[in-house]
Amino acid sequence: MAMVKTILLAAVTLLGLASLAAADTGTATFYTPPYVREYLLSHLVGSYGLVRAACGRRYSVTCTGRTNLGVLQPCRGSVVVTIVDYCPAGCAGTIDLSQEAFAIIADPNAGKVQIEYHQ
């Protein structure tokens, strides 16, 4: 029985590590209202084809750290957002979150944070 528990624990650990390895890294910023749809949404930076394929998909975004000295510990957690559009010119992050979504993962005073994200 102890052997079965050990094998199960090892399998669960490996599955957890596999899900962590699947996450992409980048930075997140935020934009302010007005919004066209629900408030937990996002714009994605990347090639037009990549963003077009991602539109309508939901991504989990987790704050992993700061990008500046303004707020030393900005992270608050994770949020699931829906990609709705290509990030407009001048975006400073990988994902441009709605203000409300950003406030869930980090202190808005930080302005920009390091993230992990995955579908």
PDB file of N, CA and C in Angstrom:
ATOM      1  N   MET A   1       0.822  -1.199   0.000  1.00  0.00           N
ATOM      2  CA  MET A   1       0.000   0.000   0.000  1.00  0.00           C
ATOM      3  C   MET A   1       0.870   1.269   0.000  1.00  0.00           C
ATOM      4  N   ALA A   2       1.952   1.231   0.765  1.00  0.00           N
ATOM      5  CA  ALA A   2       2.850   2.393   0.810  1.00  0.00           C
ATOM      6  C   ALA A   2       3.464   2.651  -0.558  1.00  0.00           C
ATOM      7  N   MET A   3       3.750   1.578  -1.310  1.00  0.00           N
ATOM      8  CA  MET A   3       4.323   1.715  -2.650  1.00  0.00           C
ATOM      9  C   MET A   3       3.341   2.408  -3.587  1.00  0.00           C
ATOM     10  N   VAL A   4       2.051   2.070  -3.489  1.00  0.00           N
ATOM     11  CA  VAL A   4       1.011   2.685  -4.326  1.00  0.00           C
ATOM     12  C   VAL A   4       0.908   4.171  -4.010  1.00  0.00           C
ATOM     13  N   LYS A   5       0.932   4.522  -2.724  1.00  0.00           N
ATOM     14  CA  LYS A   5       0.865   5.931  -2.324  1.00  0.00           C
ATOM     15  C   LYS A   5       2.063   6.707  -2.860  1.00  0.00           C
ATOM     16  N   THR A   6       3.250   6.095  -2.802  1.00  0.00           N
ATOM     17  CA  THR A   6       4.458   6.744  -3.298  1.00  0.00           C
ATOM     18  C   THR A   6       4.362   6.987  -4.806  1.00  0.00           C
ATOM     19  N   ILE A   7       3.880   5.983  -5.543  1.00  0.00           N
ATOM     20  CA  ILE A   7       3.732   6.118  -6.992  1.00  0.00           C
ATOM     21  C   ILE A   7       2.702   7.185  -7.328  1.00  0.00           C
ATOM     22  N   LEU A   8       1.569   7.201  -6.608  1.00  0.00           N
ATOM     23  CA  LEU A   8       0.547   8.225  -6.838  1.00  0.00           C
ATOM     24  C   LEU A   8       1.086   9.614  -6.552  1.00  0.00           C
ATOM     25  N   LEU A   9       1.819   9.762  -5.462  1.00  0.00           N
ATOM     26  CA  LEU A   9       2.394  11.060  -5.119  1.00  0.00           C
ATOM     27  C   LEU A   9       3.373  11.516  -6.200  1.00  0.00           C
ATOM     28  N   ALA A  10       4.191  10.599  -6.700  1.00  0.00           N
ATOM     29  CA  ALA A  10       5.144  10.944  -7.764  1.00  0.00           C
ATOM     30  C   ALA A  10       4.403  11.351  -9.034  1.00  0.00           C
ATOM     31  N   ALA A  11       3.312  10.654  -9.368  1.00  0.00           N
ATOM     32  CA  ALA A  11       2.539  10.980 -10.569  1.00  0.00           C
ATOM     33  C   ALA A  11       1.901  12.353 -10.449  1.00  0.00           C
ATOM     34  N   VAL A  12       1.326  12.643  -9.284  1.00  0.00           N
ATOM     35  CA  VAL A  12       0.698  13.960  -9.070  1.00  0.00           C
ATOM     36  C   VAL A  12       1.746  15.060  -9.147  1.00  0.00           C
ATOM     37  N   THR A  13       2.910  14.826  -8.575  1.00  0.00           N
ATOM     38  CA  THR A  13       3.995  15.816  -8.625  1.00  0.00           C
ATOM     39  C   THR A  13       4.432  16.070 -10.059  1.00  0.00           C
ATOM     40  N   LEU A  14       4.602  15.004 -10.838  1.00  0.00           N
ATOM     41  CA  LEU A  14       4.995  15.174 -12.236  1.00  0.00           C
ATOM     42  C   LEU A  14       3.937  15.910 -13.037  1.00  0.00           C
ATOM     43  N   LEU A  15       2.665  15.614 -12.801  1.00  0.00           N
ATOM     44  CA  LEU A  15       1.595  16.335 -13.499  1.00  0.00           C
ATOM     45  C   LEU A  15       1.623  17.813 -13.145  1.00  0.00           C
ATOM     46  N   GLY A  16       1.855  18.118 -11.890  1.00  0.00           N
ATOM     47  CA  GLY A  16       1.936  19.514 -11.473  1.00  0.00           C
ATOM     48  C   GLY A  16       3.096  20.232 -12.130  1.00  0.00           C
ATOM     49  N   LEU A  17       4.233  19.576 -12.212  1.00  0.00           N
ATOM     50  CA  LEU A  17       5.396  20.177 -12.872  1.00  0.00           C
ATOM     51  C   LEU A  17       5.154  20.355 -14.362  1.00  0.00           C
ATOM     52  N   ALA A  18       4.462  19.417 -14.978  1.00  0.00           N
ATOM     53  CA  ALA A  18       4.168  19.532 -16.406  1.00  0.00           C
ATOM     54  C   ALA A  18       3.290  20.732 -16.678  1.00  0.00           C
ATOM     55  N   SER A  19       2.317  21.002 -15.799  1.00  0.00           N
ATOM     56  CA  SER A  19       1.449  22.159 -16.028  1.00  0.00           C
ATOM     57  C   SER A  19       2.222  23.457 -15.827  1.00  0.00           C
ATOM     58  N   LEU A  20       3.196  23.468 -14.905  1.00  0.00           N
ATOM     59  CA  LEU A  20       4.013  24.664 -14.721  1.00  0.00           C
ATOM     60  C   LEU A  20       4.905  24.899 -15.932  1.00  0.00           C
ATOM     61  N   ALA A  21       5.421  23.831 -16.500  1.00  0.00           N
ATOM     62  CA  ALA A  21       6.309  23.952 -17.653  1.00  0.00           C
ATOM     63  C   ALA A  21       5.566  24.466 -18.879  1.00  0.00           C
ATOM     64  N   ALA A  22       4.265  24.260 -18.937  1.00  0.00           N
ATOM     65  CA  ALA A  22       3.480  24.666 -20.096  1.00  0.00           C
ATOM     66  C   ALA A  22       3.167  26.160 -20.101  1.00  0.00           C
ATOM     67  N   ALA A  23       3.408  26.835 -19.003  1.00  0.00           N
ATOM     68  CA  ALA A  23       3.090  28.256 -18.923  1.00  0.00           C
ATOM     69  C   ALA A  23       4.118  29.087 -19.684  1.00  0.00           C
ATOM     70  N   ASP A  24       3.620  30.118 -20.378  1.00  0.00           N
ATOM     71  CA  ASP A  24       4.499  31.085 -21.030  1.00  0.00           C
ATOM     72  C   ASP A  24       4.755  32.222 -20.051  1.00  0.00           C
ATOM     73  N   THR A  25       5.838  32.954 -20.253  1.00  0.00           N
ATOM     74  CA  THR A  25       6.148  34.083 -19.387  1.00  0.00           C
ATOM     75  C   THR A  25       6.138  35.372 -20.194  1.00  0.00           C
ATOM     76  N   GLY A  26       5.937  36.478 -19.505  1.00  0.00           N
ATOM     77  CA  GLY A  26       5.920  37.778 -20.155  1.00  0.00           C
ATOM     78  C   GLY A  26       5.634  38.852 -19.134  1.00  0.00           C
ATOM     79  N   THR A  27       5.002  39.922 -19.598  1.00  0.00           N
ATOM     80  CA  THR A  27       4.621  41.011 -18.705  1.00  0.00           C
ATOM     81  C   THR A  27       3.174  41.399 -18.969  1.00  0.00           C
ATOM     82  N   ALA A  28       2.557  41.971 -17.950  1.00  0.00           N
ATOM     83  CA  ALA A  28       1.179  42.446 -18.084  1.00  0.00           C
ATOM     84  C   ALA A  28       1.099  43.919 -17.716  1.00  0.00           C
ATOM     85  N   THR A  29       0.276  44.630 -18.456  1.00  0.00           N
ATOM     86  CA  THR A  29      -0.065  46.017 -18.182  1.00  0.00           C
ATOM     87  C   THR A  29      -1.591  46.071 -18.145  1.00  0.00           C
ATOM     88  N   PHE A  30      -2.174  47.275 -18.024  1.00  0.00           N
ATOM     89  CA  PHE A  30      -3.637  47.353 -18.045  1.00  0.00           C
ATOM     90  C   PHE A  30      -4.112  48.590 -18.776  1.00  0.00           C
ATOM     91  N   TYR A  31      -5.347  48.525 -19.222  1.00  0.00           N
ATOM     92  CA  TYR A  31      -5.991  49.668 -19.860  1.00  0.00           C
ATOM     93  C   TYR A  31      -7.282  49.965 -19.117  1.00  0.00           C
ATOM     94  N   THR A  32      -7.804  51.156 -19.319  1.00  0.00           N
ATOM     95  CA  THR A  32      -8.958  51.616 -18.552  1.00  0.00           C
ATOM     96  C   THR A  32     -10.230  51.636 -19.404  1.00  0.00           C
ATOM     97  N   PRO A  33     -11.394  51.697 -18.740  1.00  0.00           N
ATOM     98  CA  PRO A  33     -12.671  51.717 -19.480  1.00  0.00           C
ATOM     99  C   PRO A  33     -12.723  52.884 -20.453  1.00  0.00           C
ATOM    100  N   PRO A  34     -13.604  52.863 -21.421  1.00  0.00           N
ATOM    101  CA  PRO A  34     -14.761  51.970 -21.544  1.00  0.00           C
ATOM    102  C   PRO A  34     -14.391  50.625 -22.164  1.00  0.00           C
ATOM    103  N   TYR A  35     -15.113  49.586 -21.753  1.00  0.00           N
ATOM    104  CA  TYR A  35     -14.952  48.245 -22.298  1.00  0.00           C
ATOM    105  C   TYR A  35     -16.178  47.897 -23.113  1.00  0.00           C
ATOM    106  N   VAL A  36     -15.967  47.095 -24.132  1.00  0.00           N
ATOM    107  CA  VAL A  36     -17.069  46.675 -24.988  1.00  0.00           C
ATOM    108  C   VAL A  36     -17.822  45.506 -24.365  1.00  0.00           C
ATOM    109  N   ARG A  37     -17.105  44.618 -23.684  1.00  0.00           N
ATOM    110  CA  ARG A  37     -17.699  43.402 -23.132  1.00  0.00           C
ATOM    111  C   ARG A  37     -17.464  43.302 -21.642  1.00  0.00           C
ATOM    112  N   GLU A  38     -17.497  42.053 -21.135  1.00  0.00           N
ATOM    113  CA  GLU A  38     -17.257  41.804 -19.717  1.00  0.00           C
ATOM    114  C   GLU A  38     -15.920  42.397 -19.289  1.00  0.00           C
ATOM    115  N   TYR A  39     -15.737  42.574 -17.996  1.00  0.00           N
ATOM    116  CA  TYR A  39     -14.560  43.313 -17.547  1.00  0.00           C
ATOM    117  C   TYR A  39     -13.308  42.475 -17.365  1.00  0.00           C
ATOM    118  N   LEU A  40     -13.388  41.147 -17.342  1.00  0.00           N
ATOM    119  CA  LEU A  40     -12.179  40.335 -17.227  1.00  0.00           C
ATOM    120  C   LEU A  40     -11.736  39.911 -18.620  1.00  0.00           C
ATOM    121  N   LEU A  41     -11.138  40.855 -19.319  1.00  0.00           N
ATOM    122  CA  LEU A  41     -10.717  40.607 -20.689  1.00  0.00           C
ATOM    123  C   LEU A  41      -9.333  41.157 -20.919  1.00  0.00           C
ATOM    124  N   SER A  42      -8.816  40.900 -22.111  1.00  0.00           N
ATOM    125  CA  SER A  42      -7.424  41.235 -22.355  1.00  0.00           C
ATOM    126  C   SER A  42      -7.141  41.426 -23.831  1.00  0.00           C
ATOM    127  N   HIS A  43      -6.100  42.174 -24.115  1.00  0.00           N
ATOM    128  CA  HIS A  43      -5.541  42.296 -25.458  1.00  0.00           C
ATOM    129  C   HIS A  43      -4.195  41.566 -25.447  1.00  0.00           C
ATOM    130  N   LEU A  44      -3.879  40.901 -26.525  1.00  0.00           N
ATOM    131  CA  LEU A  44      -2.649  40.123 -26.616  1.00  0.00           C
ATOM    132  C   LEU A  44      -1.695  40.778 -27.605  1.00  0.00           C
ATOM    133  N   VAL A  45      -0.425  40.799 -27.258  1.00  0.00           N
ATOM    134  CA  VAL A  45       0.612  41.326 -28.145  1.00  0.00           C
ATOM    135  C   VAL A  45       1.194  40.159 -28.924  1.00  0.00           C
ATOM    136  N   GLY A  46       1.408  40.353 -30.214  1.00  0.00           N
ATOM    137  CA  GLY A  46       2.006  39.304 -31.030  1.00  0.00           C
ATOM    138  C   GLY A  46       1.625  39.506 -32.478  1.00  0.00           C
ATOM    139  N   SER A  47       1.967  38.526 -33.284  1.00  0.00           N
ATOM    140  CA  SER A  47       1.630  38.639 -34.700  1.00  0.00           C
ATOM    141  C   SER A  47       0.117  38.583 -34.868  1.00  0.00           C
ATOM    142  N   TYR A  48      -0.380  39.168 -35.948  1.00  0.00           N
ATOM    143  CA  TYR A  48      -1.818  39.208 -36.200  1.00  0.00           C
ATOM    144  C   TYR A  48      -2.419  37.802 -36.217  1.00  0.00           C
ATOM    145  N   GLY A  49      -1.731  36.854 -36.842  1.00  0.00           N
ATOM    146  CA  GLY A  49      -2.245  35.482 -36.928  1.00  0.00           C
ATOM    147  C   GLY A  49      -2.356  34.825 -35.568  1.00  0.00           C
ATOM    148  N   LEU A  50      -1.347  35.036 -34.715  1.00  0.00           N
ATOM    149  CA  LEU A  50      -1.359  34.476 -33.366  1.00  0.00           C
ATOM    150  C   LEU A  50      -2.519  35.033 -32.566  1.00  0.00           C
ATOM    151  N   VAL A  51      -2.688  36.340 -32.598  1.00  0.00           N
ATOM    152  CA  VAL A  51      -3.743  36.977 -31.821  1.00  0.00           C
ATOM    153  C   VAL A  51      -5.115  36.591 -32.358  1.00  0.00           C
ATOM    154  N   ARG A  52      -5.253  36.536 -33.661  1.00  0.00           N
ATOM    155  CA  ARG A  52      -6.536  36.146 -34.257  1.00  0.00           C
ATOM    156  C   ARG A  52      -6.926  34.745 -33.791  1.00  0.00           C
ATOM    157  N   ALA A  53      -5.960  33.829 -33.743  1.00  0.00           N
ATOM    158  CA  ALA A  53      -6.230  32.465 -33.284  1.00  0.00           C
ATOM    159  C   ALA A  53      -6.584  32.437 -31.795  1.00  0.00           C
ATOM    160  N   ALA A  54      -6.040  33.373 -31.015  1.00  0.00           N
ATOM    161  CA  ALA A  54      -6.279  33.396 -29.567  1.00  0.00           C
ATOM    162  C   ALA A  54      -7.582  34.091 -29.184  1.00  0.00           C
ATOM    163  N   CYS A  55      -8.133  34.929 -30.054  1.00  0.00           N
ATOM    164  CA  CYS A  55      -9.345  35.674 -29.713  1.00  0.00           C
ATOM    165  C   CYS A  55     -10.473  34.730 -29.308  1.00  0.00           C
ATOM    166  N   GLY A  56     -11.124  35.085 -28.227  1.00  0.00           N
ATOM    167  CA  GLY A  56     -12.221  34.288 -27.698  1.00  0.00           C
ATOM    168  C   GLY A  56     -11.772  33.206 -26.736  1.00  0.00           C
ATOM    169  N   ARG A  57     -10.483  32.934 -26.690  1.00  0.00           N
ATOM    170  CA  ARG A  57      -9.972  31.914 -25.778  1.00  0.00           C
ATOM    171  C   ARG A  57      -9.726  32.513 -24.406  1.00  0.00           C
ATOM    172  N   ARG A  58      -9.801  31.655 -23.416  1.00  0.00           N
ATOM    173  CA  ARG A  58      -9.584  32.075 -22.029  1.00  0.00           C
ATOM    174  C   ARG A  58      -8.181  31.678 -21.599  1.00  0.00           C
ATOM    175  N   TYR A  59      -7.512  32.577 -20.905  1.00  0.00           N
ATOM    176  CA  TYR A  59      -6.166  32.341 -20.409  1.00  0.00           C
ATOM    177  C   TYR A  59      -6.099  32.631 -18.914  1.00  0.00           C
ATOM    178  N   SER A  60      -5.355  31.809 -18.213  1.00  0.00           N
ATOM    179  CA  SER A  60      -5.067  32.054 -16.808  1.00  0.00           C
ATOM    180  C   SER A  60      -3.788  32.884 -16.753  1.00  0.00           C
ATOM    181  N   VAL A  61      -3.833  33.982 -16.021  1.00  0.00           N
ATOM    182  CA  VAL A  61      -2.693  34.889 -15.912  1.00  0.00           C
ATOM    183  C   VAL A  61      -2.331  35.011 -14.430  1.00  0.00           C
ATOM    184  N   THR A  62      -1.061  34.773 -14.106  1.00  0.00           N
ATOM    185  CA  THR A  62      -0.588  34.823 -12.721  1.00  0.00           C
ATOM    186  C   THR A  62       0.571  35.796 -12.600  1.00  0.00           C
ATOM    187  N   CYS A  63       0.477  36.697 -11.657  1.00  0.00           N
ATOM    188  CA  CYS A  63       1.583  37.621 -11.381  1.00  0.00           C
ATOM    189  C   CYS A  63       2.712  36.833 -10.729  1.00  0.00           C
ATOM    190  N   THR A  64       3.945  37.035 -11.226  1.00  0.00           N
ATOM    191  CA  THR A  64       5.107  36.337 -10.664  1.00  0.00           C
ATOM    192  C   THR A  64       6.156  37.276 -10.090  1.00  0.00           C
ATOM    193  N   GLY A  65       6.034  38.579 -10.359  1.00  0.00           N
ATOM    194  CA  GLY A  65       7.026  39.492  -9.798  1.00  0.00           C
ATOM    195  C   GLY A  65       6.931  40.892 -10.354  1.00  0.00           C
ATOM    196  N   ARG A  66       7.737  41.748  -9.818  1.00  0.00           N
ATOM    197  CA  ARG A  66       7.740  43.161 -10.208  1.00  0.00           C
ATOM    198  C   ARG A  66       8.620  43.409 -11.412  1.00  0.00           C
ATOM    199  N   THR A  67       8.403  44.538 -12.065  1.00  0.00           N
ATOM    200  CA  THR A  67       9.250  44.945 -13.187  1.00  0.00           C
ATOM    201  C   THR A  67       9.938  46.274 -12.905  1.00  0.00           C
ATOM    202  N   ASN A  68       9.616  46.896 -11.771  1.00  0.00           N
ATOM    203  CA  ASN A  68      10.216  48.189 -11.440  1.00  0.00           C
ATOM    204  C   ASN A  68      10.322  48.319  -9.922  1.00  0.00           C
ATOM    205  N   LEU A  69      10.863  49.417  -9.462  1.00  0.00           N
ATOM    206  CA  LEU A  69      11.058  49.626  -8.029  1.00  0.00           C
ATOM    207  C   LEU A  69       9.886  50.329  -7.354  1.00  0.00           C
ATOM    208  N   GLY A  70       8.846  50.651  -8.102  1.00  0.00           N
ATOM    209  CA  GLY A  70       7.719  51.398  -7.543  1.00  0.00           C
ATOM    210  C   GLY A  70       6.958  50.653  -6.468  1.00  0.00           C
ATOM    211  N   VAL A  71       6.591  49.419  -6.725  1.00  0.00           N
ATOM    212  CA  VAL A  71       5.878  48.588  -5.754  1.00  0.00           C
ATOM    213  C   VAL A  71       6.709  47.323  -5.582  1.00  0.00           C
ATOM    214  N   LEU A  72       7.255  47.136  -4.389  1.00  0.00           N
ATOM    215  CA  LEU A  72       8.195  46.040  -4.182  1.00  0.00           C
ATOM    216  C   LEU A  72       7.566  44.657  -4.212  1.00  0.00           C
ATOM    217  N   GLN A  73       6.325  44.527  -3.752  1.00  0.00           N
ATOM    218  CA  GLN A  73       5.630  43.242  -3.767  1.00  0.00           C
ATOM    219  C   GLN A  73       4.236  43.431  -4.369  1.00  0.00           C
ATOM    220  N   PRO A  74       4.151  43.538  -5.695  1.00  0.00           N
ATOM    221  CA  PRO A  74       2.879  43.871  -6.325  1.00  0.00           C
ATOM    222  C   PRO A  74       1.900  42.704  -6.469  1.00  0.00           C
ATOM    223  N   CYS A  75       2.390  41.477  -6.426  1.00  0.00           N
ATOM    224  CA  CYS A  75       1.549  40.328  -6.782  1.00  0.00           C
ATOM    225  C   CYS A  75       0.449  40.042  -5.769  1.00  0.00           C
ATOM    226  N   ARG A  76      -0.740  39.690  -6.324  1.00  0.00           N
ATOM    227  CA  ARG A  76      -1.901  39.339  -5.509  1.00  0.00           C
ATOM    228  C   ARG A  76      -2.459  37.968  -5.863  1.00  0.00           C
ATOM    229  N   GLY A  77      -2.179  37.458  -7.071  1.00  0.00           N
ATOM    230  CA  GLY A  77      -2.724  36.158  -7.431  1.00  0.00           C
ATOM    231  C   GLY A  77      -2.892  35.957  -8.916  1.00  0.00           C
ATOM    232  N   SER A  78      -3.979  35.250  -9.267  1.00  0.00           N
ATOM    233  CA  SER A  78      -4.256  34.864 -10.656  1.00  0.00           C
ATOM    234  C   SER A  78      -5.657  35.272 -11.065  1.00  0.00           C
ATOM    235  N   VAL A  79      -5.865  35.343 -12.391  1.00  0.00           N
ATOM    236  CA  VAL A  79      -7.180  35.652 -12.936  1.00  0.00           C
ATOM    237  C   VAL A  79      -7.308  34.927 -14.274  1.00  0.00           C
ATOM    238  N   VAL A  80      -8.526  34.579 -14.643  1.00  0.00           N
ATOM    239  CA  VAL A  80      -8.787  34.008 -15.963  1.00  0.00           C
ATOM    240  C   VAL A  80      -9.448  35.095 -16.801  1.00  0.00           C
ATOM    241  N   VAL A  81      -8.873  35.360 -17.982  1.00  0.00           N
ATOM    242  CA  VAL A  81      -9.386  36.420 -18.862  1.00  0.00           C
ATOM    243  C   VAL A  81      -9.699  35.848 -20.243  1.00  0.00           C
ATOM    244  N   THR A  82     -10.504  36.574 -20.987  1.00  0.00           N
ATOM    245  CA  THR A  82     -10.820  36.225 -22.365  1.00  0.00           C
ATOM    246  C   THR A  82     -10.095  37.200 -23.284  1.00  0.00           C
ATOM    247  N   ILE A  83      -9.354  36.669 -24.249  1.00  0.00           N
ATOM    248  CA  ILE A  83      -8.660  37.521 -25.223  1.00  0.00           C
ATOM    249  C   ILE A  83      -9.710  38.056 -26.194  1.00  0.00           C
ATOM    250  N   VAL A  84      -9.766  39.379 -26.354  1.00  0.00           N
ATOM    251  CA  VAL A  84     -10.800  39.980 -27.204  1.00  0.00           C
ATOM    252  C   VAL A  84     -10.244  40.749 -28.397  1.00  0.00           C
ATOM    253  N   ASP A  85      -8.939  41.044 -28.382  1.00  0.00           N
ATOM    254  CA  ASP A  85      -8.436  41.891 -29.459  1.00  0.00           C
ATOM    255  C   ASP A  85      -6.918  41.885 -29.463  1.00  0.00           C
ATOM    256  N   TYR A  86      -6.380  42.452 -30.519  1.00  0.00           N
ATOM    257  CA  TYR A  86      -4.950  42.701 -30.658  1.00  0.00           C
ATOM    258  C   TYR A  86      -4.617  43.939 -29.834  1.00  0.00           C
ATOM    259  N   CYS A  87      -3.499  43.923 -29.166  1.00  0.00           N
ATOM    260  CA  CYS A  87      -3.104  45.068 -28.354  1.00  0.00           C
ATOM    261  C   CYS A  87      -2.779  46.254 -29.265  1.00  0.00           C
ATOM    262  N   PRO A  88      -3.345  47.432 -28.974  1.00  0.00           N
ATOM    263  CA  PRO A  88      -3.084  48.598 -29.820  1.00  0.00           C
ATOM    264  C   PRO A  88      -1.615  49.014 -29.797  1.00  0.00           C
ATOM    265  N   ALA A  89      -1.229  49.812 -30.767  1.00  0.00           N
ATOM    266  CA  ALA A  89       0.150  50.299 -30.854  1.00  0.00           C
ATOM    267  C   ALA A  89       0.551  50.957 -29.542  1.00  0.00           C
ATOM    268  N   GLY A  90       1.757  50.702 -29.116  1.00  0.00           N
ATOM    269  CA  GLY A  90       2.259  51.321 -27.898  1.00  0.00           C
ATOM    270  C   GLY A  90       2.107  50.455 -26.658  1.00  0.00           C
ATOM    271  N   CYS A  91       1.565  49.252 -26.802  1.00  0.00           N
ATOM    272  CA  CYS A  91       1.439  48.364 -25.645  1.00  0.00           C
ATOM    273  C   CYS A  91       2.816  48.086 -25.061  1.00  0.00           C
ATOM    274  N   ALA A  92       2.892  48.092 -23.756  1.00  0.00           N
ATOM    275  CA  ALA A  92       4.174  47.879 -23.095  1.00  0.00           C
ATOM    276  C   ALA A  92       4.294  46.481 -22.492  1.00  0.00           C
ATOM    277  N   GLY A  93       3.276  45.621 -22.671  1.00  0.00           N
ATOM    278  CA  GLY A  93       3.325  44.290 -22.077  1.00  0.00           C
ATOM    279  C   GLY A  93       2.951  43.205 -23.063  1.00  0.00           C
ATOM    280  N   THR A  94       3.142  41.961 -22.652  1.00  0.00           N
ATOM    281  CA  THR A  94       2.748  40.814 -23.457  1.00  0.00           C
ATOM    282  C   THR A  94       1.230  40.721 -23.519  1.00  0.00           C
ATOM    283  N   ILE A  95       0.592  40.962 -22.374  1.00  0.00           N
ATOM    284  CA  ILE A  95      -0.867  40.956 -22.278  1.00  0.00           C
ATOM    285  C   ILE A  95      -1.297  42.269 -21.635  1.00  0.00           C
ATOM    286  N   ASP A  96      -2.244  42.932 -22.256  1.00  0.00           N
ATOM    287  CA  ASP A  96      -2.794  44.195 -21.750  1.00  0.00           C
ATOM    288  C   ASP A  96      -4.148  43.870 -21.136  1.00  0.00           C
ATOM    289  N   LEU A  97      -4.209  43.779 -19.819  1.00  0.00           N
ATOM    290  CA  LEU A  97      -5.421  43.375 -19.109  1.00  0.00           C
ATOM    291  C   LEU A  97      -6.358  44.549 -18.878  1.00  0.00           C
ATOM    292  N   SER A  98      -7.639  44.243 -18.696  1.00  0.00           N
ATOM    293  CA  SER A  98      -8.551  45.291 -18.235  1.00  0.00           C
ATOM    294  C   SER A  98      -8.072  45.722 -16.845  1.00  0.00           C
ATOM    295  N   GLN A  99      -8.419  46.916 -16.449  1.00  0.00           N
ATOM    296  CA  GLN A  99      -7.980  47.445 -15.151  1.00  0.00           C
ATOM    297  C   GLN A  99      -8.439  46.532 -14.013  1.00  0.00           C
ATOM    298  N   GLU A 100      -9.654  46.008 -14.113  1.00  0.00           N
ATOM    299  CA  GLU A 100     -10.194  45.148 -13.056  1.00  0.00           C
ATOM    300  C   GLU A 100      -9.446  43.820 -12.982  1.00  0.00           C
ATOM    301  N   ALA A 101      -9.111  43.247 -14.133  1.00  0.00           N
ATOM    302  CA  ALA A 101      -8.369  41.985 -14.145  1.00  0.00           C
ATOM    303  C   ALA A 101      -6.961  42.184 -13.577  1.00  0.00           C
ATOM    304  N   PHE A 102      -6.311  43.282 -13.952  1.00  0.00           N
ATOM    305  CA  PHE A 102      -4.970  43.569 -13.434  1.00  0.00           C
ATOM    306  C   PHE A 102      -5.010  43.714 -11.912  1.00  0.00           C
ATOM    307  N   ALA A 103      -6.031  44.400 -11.398  1.00  0.00           N
ATOM    308  CA  ALA A 103      -6.141  44.623  -9.955  1.00  0.00           C
ATOM    309  C   ALA A 103      -6.311  43.310  -9.184  1.00  0.00           C
ATOM    310  N   ILE A 104      -6.800  42.270  -9.851  1.00  0.00           N
ATOM    311  CA  ILE A 104      -6.922  40.961  -9.200  1.00  0.00           C
ATOM    312  C   ILE A 104      -5.554  40.304  -9.056  1.00  0.00           C
ATOM    313  N   ILE A 105      -4.690  40.449 -10.060  1.00  0.00           N
ATOM    314  CA  ILE A 105      -3.385  39.779 -10.002  1.00  0.00           C
ATOM    315  C   ILE A 105      -2.297  40.618  -9.350  1.00  0.00           C
ATOM    316  N   ALA A 106      -2.461  41.965  -9.366  1.00  0.00           N
ATOM    317  CA  ALA A 106      -1.383  42.823  -8.850  1.00  0.00           C
ATOM    318  C   ALA A 106      -1.904  44.192  -8.439  1.00  0.00           C
ATOM    319  N   ASP A 107      -1.110  44.873  -7.659  1.00  0.00           N
ATOM    320  CA  ASP A 107      -1.397  46.249  -7.266  1.00  0.00           C
ATOM    321  C   ASP A 107      -1.312  47.131  -8.517  1.00  0.00           C
ATOM    322  N   PRO A 108      -2.397  47.825  -8.881  1.00  0.00           N
ATOM    323  CA  PRO A 108      -2.376  48.679 -10.077  1.00  0.00           C
ATOM    324  C   PRO A 108      -1.296  49.765 -10.042  1.00  0.00           C
ATOM    325  N   ASN A 109      -0.852  50.161  -8.853  1.00  0.00           N
ATOM    326  CA  ASN A 109       0.211  51.161  -8.757  1.00  0.00           C
ATOM    327  C   ASN A 109       1.521  50.669  -9.367  1.00  0.00           C
ATOM    328  N   ALA A 110       1.668  49.354  -9.525  1.00  0.00           N
ATOM    329  CA  ALA A 110       2.877  48.801 -10.145  1.00  0.00           C
ATOM    330  C   ALA A 110       2.911  49.127 -11.634  1.00  0.00           C
ATOM    331  N   GLY A 111       1.729  49.185 -12.272  1.00  0.00           N
ATOM    332  CA  GLY A 111       1.666  49.533 -13.693  1.00  0.00           C
ATOM    333  C   GLY A 111       2.010  48.406 -14.642  1.00  0.00           C
ATOM    334  N   LYS A 112       3.037  47.622 -14.309  1.00  0.00           N
ATOM    335  CA  LYS A 112       3.475  46.519 -15.166  1.00  0.00           C
ATOM    336  C   LYS A 112       4.115  45.467 -14.258  1.00  0.00           C
ATOM    337  N   VAL A 113       3.772  44.195 -14.497  1.00  0.00           N
ATOM    338  CA  VAL A 113       4.317  43.108 -13.689  1.00  0.00           C
ATOM    339  C   VAL A 113       4.741  41.939 -14.559  1.00  0.00           C
ATOM    340  N   GLN A 114       5.592  41.100 -14.006  1.00  0.00           N
ATOM    341  CA  GLN A 114       5.971  39.855 -14.669  1.00  0.00           C
ATOM    342  C   GLN A 114       4.840  38.848 -14.454  1.00  0.00           C
ATOM    343  N   ILE A 115       4.602  38.025 -15.480  1.00  0.00           N
ATOM    344  CA  ILE A 115       3.503  37.060 -15.406  1.00  0.00           C
ATOM    345  C   ILE A 115       3.887  35.710 -16.005  1.00  0.00           C
ATOM    346  N   GLU A 116       3.078  34.718 -15.659  1.00  0.00           N
ATOM    347  CA  GLU A 116       3.007  33.456 -16.367  1.00  0.00           C
ATOM    348  C   GLU A 116       1.579  33.354 -16.862  1.00  0.00           C
ATOM    349  N   TYR A 117       1.403  32.801 -18.064  1.00  0.00           N
ATOM    350  CA  TYR A 117       0.037  32.661 -18.578  1.00  0.00           C
ATOM    351  C   TYR A 117      -0.072  31.398 -19.413  1.00  0.00           C
ATOM    352  N   HIS A 118      -1.255  30.810 -19.379  1.00  0.00           N
ATOM    353  CA  HIS A 118      -1.514  29.620 -20.200  1.00  0.00           C
ATOM    354  C   HIS A 118      -3.010  29.496 -20.450  1.00  0.00           C
ATOM    355  N   GLN A 119      -3.319  28.778 -21.513  1.00  0.00           N
ATOM    356  CA  GLN A 119      -4.723  28.593 -21.888  1.00  0.00           C
ATOM    357  C   GLN A 119      -5.341  27.529 -21.013  1.00  0.00           C
TER     358      GLN A 119
END
